[in-house]
N, C-alpha and C. Protein backbone atom coordinates (compact mmCIF):
# COMPACT_ATOMS: atom_id res chain seq x y z
N UNK A 1 8.78 132.00 81.56
CA UNK A 1 7.75 130.83 79.77
C UNK A 1 7.76 129.41 80.53
N UNK A 2 6.48 128.69 80.38
CA UNK A 2 7.03 127.35 80.08
C UNK A 2 6.89 126.99 79.13
N UNK A 3 7.01 125.49 79.40
CA UNK A 3 7.50 124.63 78.01
C UNK A 3 6.15 124.09 77.63
N UNK A 4 6.41 124.10 76.20
CA UNK A 4 5.40 123.83 75.61
C UNK A 4 4.69 122.49 75.77
N UNK A 5 3.29 122.05 76.02
CA UNK A 5 3.38 120.60 76.34
C UNK A 5 3.33 119.62 75.06
N UNK A 6 4.12 117.90 75.59
CA UNK A 6 4.10 117.74 74.98
C UNK A 6 2.51 116.48 74.74
N UNK A 7 1.65 117.03 74.06
CA UNK A 7 -0.02 115.60 74.34
C UNK A 7 0.38 114.44 72.94
N UNK A 8 -0.53 113.35 73.67
CA UNK A 8 -0.68 112.39 72.51
C UNK A 8 -0.90 112.69 71.43
N UNK A 9 -1.84 113.60 71.05
CA UNK A 9 -2.16 113.72 70.15
C UNK A 9 -0.54 114.36 68.66
N UNK A 10 -0.31 115.33 70.36
CA UNK A 10 1.74 116.09 69.22
C UNK A 10 2.48 114.90 68.86
N UNK A 11 2.28 114.07 70.00
CA UNK A 11 3.03 112.78 69.89
C UNK A 11 2.81 111.99 68.50
N UNK A 12 1.51 110.99 68.55
CA UNK A 12 1.52 110.34 67.70
C UNK A 12 2.00 111.54 65.46
N UNK A 13 1.52 112.33 66.42
CA UNK A 13 1.35 112.90 64.89
C UNK A 13 3.25 113.18 64.31
N UNK A 14 3.97 113.27 65.19
CA UNK A 14 4.96 113.49 64.97
C UNK A 14 5.88 112.06 64.87
N UNK A 15 5.46 111.15 65.50
CA UNK A 15 5.50 110.00 65.28
C UNK A 15 4.91 108.92 63.64
N UNK A 16 4.38 110.18 62.74
CA UNK A 16 3.40 108.59 61.75
C UNK A 16 4.39 109.45 60.43
N UNK A 17 4.63 110.73 61.55
CA UNK A 17 5.65 111.57 59.34
C UNK A 17 6.75 111.52 60.09
N UNK A 18 7.20 110.58 60.74
CA UNK A 18 9.24 110.45 61.45
C UNK A 18 9.01 108.82 60.40
N UNK A 19 7.56 107.80 60.66
CA UNK A 19 7.87 106.86 60.14
C UNK A 19 7.26 106.68 58.33
N UNK A 20 6.79 107.60 57.89
CA UNK A 20 6.57 108.12 56.75
C UNK A 20 7.38 107.94 55.42
N UNK A 21 8.77 109.40 56.80
CA UNK A 21 9.52 109.52 56.09
C UNK A 21 11.04 109.20 55.96
N UNK A 22 10.58 107.67 56.51
CA UNK A 22 12.09 106.24 56.62
C UNK A 22 11.38 105.43 56.12
N UNK A 23 9.98 105.27 55.54
CA UNK A 23 9.44 104.40 54.10
C UNK A 23 10.28 105.13 53.58
N UNK A 24 10.17 106.92 52.63
CA UNK A 24 10.33 107.46 51.67
C UNK A 24 11.49 106.60 51.91
N UNK A 25 12.45 106.86 52.36
CA UNK A 25 13.18 107.01 52.33
C UNK A 25 14.30 105.43 51.89
N UNK A 26 13.23 104.14 52.26
CA UNK A 26 13.63 102.74 52.48
C UNK A 26 13.49 103.16 50.59
N UNK A 27 12.27 103.38 50.36
CA UNK A 27 12.00 103.83 49.18
C UNK A 27 12.93 103.65 47.25
N UNK A 28 13.23 105.13 48.41
CA UNK A 28 14.44 105.82 47.51
C UNK A 28 15.70 104.90 47.42
N UNK A 29 16.23 104.14 48.36
CA UNK A 29 16.60 103.94 48.30
C UNK A 29 16.90 102.82 47.34
N UNK A 30 16.02 101.60 47.76
CA UNK A 30 15.40 100.14 47.28
C UNK A 30 15.44 100.80 45.77
N UNK A 31 14.67 102.03 44.71
CA UNK A 31 14.63 103.14 43.44
C UNK A 31 16.03 103.16 42.58
N UNK A 32 16.85 103.36 43.76
CA UNK A 32 18.51 103.63 43.04
C UNK A 32 19.69 102.52 43.00
N UNK A 33 18.59 101.14 44.08
CA UNK A 33 19.91 99.96 43.87
C UNK A 33 18.86 99.06 42.53
N UNK A 34 18.16 99.65 41.78
CA UNK A 34 17.35 98.55 40.86
C UNK A 34 17.21 99.09 39.86
N UNK A 35 17.92 99.71 39.39
CA UNK A 35 17.59 101.50 38.59
C UNK A 35 17.99 101.51 37.38
N UNK A 36 19.04 100.37 37.49
CA UNK A 36 19.97 99.71 35.93
C UNK A 36 18.86 99.12 35.25
N UNK A 37 18.20 98.35 36.03
CA UNK A 37 17.09 97.28 35.20
C UNK A 37 16.52 97.89 33.90
N UNK A 38 15.99 99.31 34.14
CA UNK A 38 15.38 99.41 32.48
C UNK A 38 16.57 100.10 31.64
N UNK A 39 16.01 99.33 30.53
CA UNK A 39 16.28 99.74 29.18
C UNK A 39 16.39 101.01 27.93
N UNK A 40 16.63 100.71 26.44
CA UNK A 40 15.93 101.21 25.68
C UNK A 40 15.06 100.09 25.28
N UNK A 41 15.64 98.73 25.33
CA UNK A 41 15.22 97.14 25.00
C UNK A 41 13.87 96.59 24.62
N UNK A 42 14.09 97.26 26.51
CA UNK A 42 12.75 96.92 27.47
C UNK A 42 11.81 97.58 27.03
N UNK A 43 12.36 98.78 26.20
CA UNK A 43 10.96 99.93 26.45
C UNK A 43 9.93 99.87 24.89
N UNK A 44 10.38 98.84 24.25
CA UNK A 44 10.20 98.81 23.33
C UNK A 44 9.64 97.86 22.84
N UNK A 45 8.16 97.61 22.07
CA UNK A 45 7.55 97.15 21.58
C UNK A 45 6.66 97.06 20.07
N UNK A 46 6.05 96.16 19.98
CA UNK A 46 5.87 95.28 18.25
C UNK A 46 4.17 95.38 18.59
N UNK A 47 3.27 95.85 17.28
CA UNK A 47 2.59 95.43 17.17
C UNK A 47 2.45 94.10 16.31
N UNK A 48 1.81 93.26 16.11
CA UNK A 48 1.43 91.82 15.09
C UNK A 48 0.14 92.56 14.41
N UNK A 49 -0.23 92.08 13.16
CA UNK A 49 -0.56 91.51 12.52
C UNK A 49 -2.33 91.78 12.37
N UNK A 50 -2.17 91.60 13.54
CA UNK A 50 -3.71 91.70 14.38
C UNK A 50 -3.96 92.77 15.64
N UNK A 51 -3.37 93.72 15.59
CA UNK A 51 -2.92 94.98 16.18
C UNK A 51 -2.54 94.48 18.02
N UNK A 52 -2.57 93.45 18.24
CA UNK A 52 -1.59 93.02 19.84
C UNK A 52 -0.54 93.49 20.44
N UNK A 53 -0.13 93.47 21.22
CA UNK A 53 1.27 94.14 20.89
C UNK A 53 2.12 93.43 21.79
N UNK A 54 3.23 92.99 20.88
CA UNK A 54 4.25 91.55 21.40
C UNK A 54 5.80 92.43 22.04
N UNK A 55 6.94 91.59 22.57
CA UNK A 55 7.77 92.85 22.91
C UNK A 55 9.19 91.15 21.77
N UNK A 56 7.98 90.63 21.05
CA UNK A 56 9.13 90.13 20.28
C UNK A 56 8.88 91.06 18.65
N UNK A 57 9.90 90.51 18.08
CA UNK A 57 9.82 92.37 16.10
C UNK A 57 8.84 90.96 14.99
N UNK A 58 8.28 91.65 14.33
CA UNK A 58 7.81 91.30 13.38
C UNK A 58 8.70 90.05 12.35
N UNK A 59 8.06 88.63 11.93
CA UNK A 59 8.92 88.18 10.98
C UNK A 59 9.23 88.79 9.95
N UNK A 60 10.09 89.17 8.99
CA UNK A 60 10.34 89.65 7.81
C UNK A 60 9.32 89.27 6.70
N UNK A 61 9.58 87.58 6.91
CA UNK A 61 9.18 87.21 5.47
C UNK A 61 7.53 86.89 4.73
N UNK A 62 7.34 87.34 6.60
CA UNK A 62 5.93 87.53 6.74
C UNK A 62 5.25 88.65 6.18
N UNK A 63 5.87 89.60 5.74
CA UNK A 63 5.18 90.36 5.56
C UNK A 63 5.05 90.76 4.21
N UNK A 64 3.99 91.44 3.61
CA UNK A 64 3.09 91.78 2.79
C UNK A 64 3.85 93.26 2.14
N UNK A 65 3.63 93.05 0.53
CA UNK A 65 4.14 94.76 0.21
C UNK A 65 2.94 94.95 -0.57
N UNK A 66 2.36 96.51 -0.49
CA UNK A 66 1.62 97.34 -0.84
C UNK A 66 2.46 98.45 -1.66
N UNK A 67 1.15 98.31 -3.15
CA UNK A 67 1.59 99.74 -3.38
C UNK A 67 0.85 100.63 -3.48
N UNK A 68 1.51 101.64 -3.36
CA UNK A 68 1.48 103.01 -2.55
C UNK A 68 0.42 103.93 -4.03
N UNK A 69 0.30 103.61 -4.83
CA UNK A 69 -0.54 104.36 -5.86
C UNK A 69 -1.86 103.09 -5.85
N UNK A 70 -2.51 102.16 -5.13
CA UNK A 70 -3.26 101.35 -4.48
C UNK A 70 -4.60 102.02 -3.81
N UNK A 71 -3.60 102.87 -2.89
CA UNK A 71 -4.11 103.61 -1.12
C UNK A 71 -5.19 105.12 -2.51
N UNK A 72 -6.23 104.87 -1.78
CA UNK A 72 -6.84 105.62 -2.25
C UNK A 72 -7.08 106.61 -0.86
N UNK A 73 -6.72 108.07 -0.89
CA UNK A 73 -6.40 109.18 0.26
C UNK A 73 -7.78 110.58 -0.45
N UNK A 74 -8.85 110.67 0.47
CA UNK A 74 -10.06 110.95 0.34
C UNK A 74 -11.01 111.01 0.24
N UNK A 75 -12.11 111.22 0.16
CA UNK A 75 -13.31 110.64 -0.38
C UNK A 75 -13.36 110.27 -2.08
N UNK A 76 -14.14 109.45 -1.81
CA UNK A 76 -14.57 109.46 -3.48
C UNK A 76 -15.57 109.61 -4.46
N UNK A 77 -14.69 109.71 -5.32
CA UNK A 77 -16.26 111.15 -6.23
C UNK A 77 -17.30 109.86 -6.30
N UNK A 78 -18.36 111.12 -6.32
CA UNK A 78 -19.78 110.32 -6.45
C UNK A 78 -20.06 110.24 -8.41
N UNK A 79 -21.26 108.63 -8.33
CA UNK A 79 -21.13 108.57 -10.00
C UNK A 79 -22.40 108.69 -10.74
């Protein structure tokens, strides 16, 4: 039996796969090293009175109190 020939295309495919595998391994190691940076405090976001997302909590002194009885739920009756 003769040995299988290694053509240029096969060699190129093999080198591309090896290069891709090495890049994946490098990225995996990099992610593993930087794993500790993400925490719960970094993921929390607040919404201000204008609907914009901010990273700082709203000021407690500027809160408006709303009475629960003033909120109408449902469809208003016809008059």
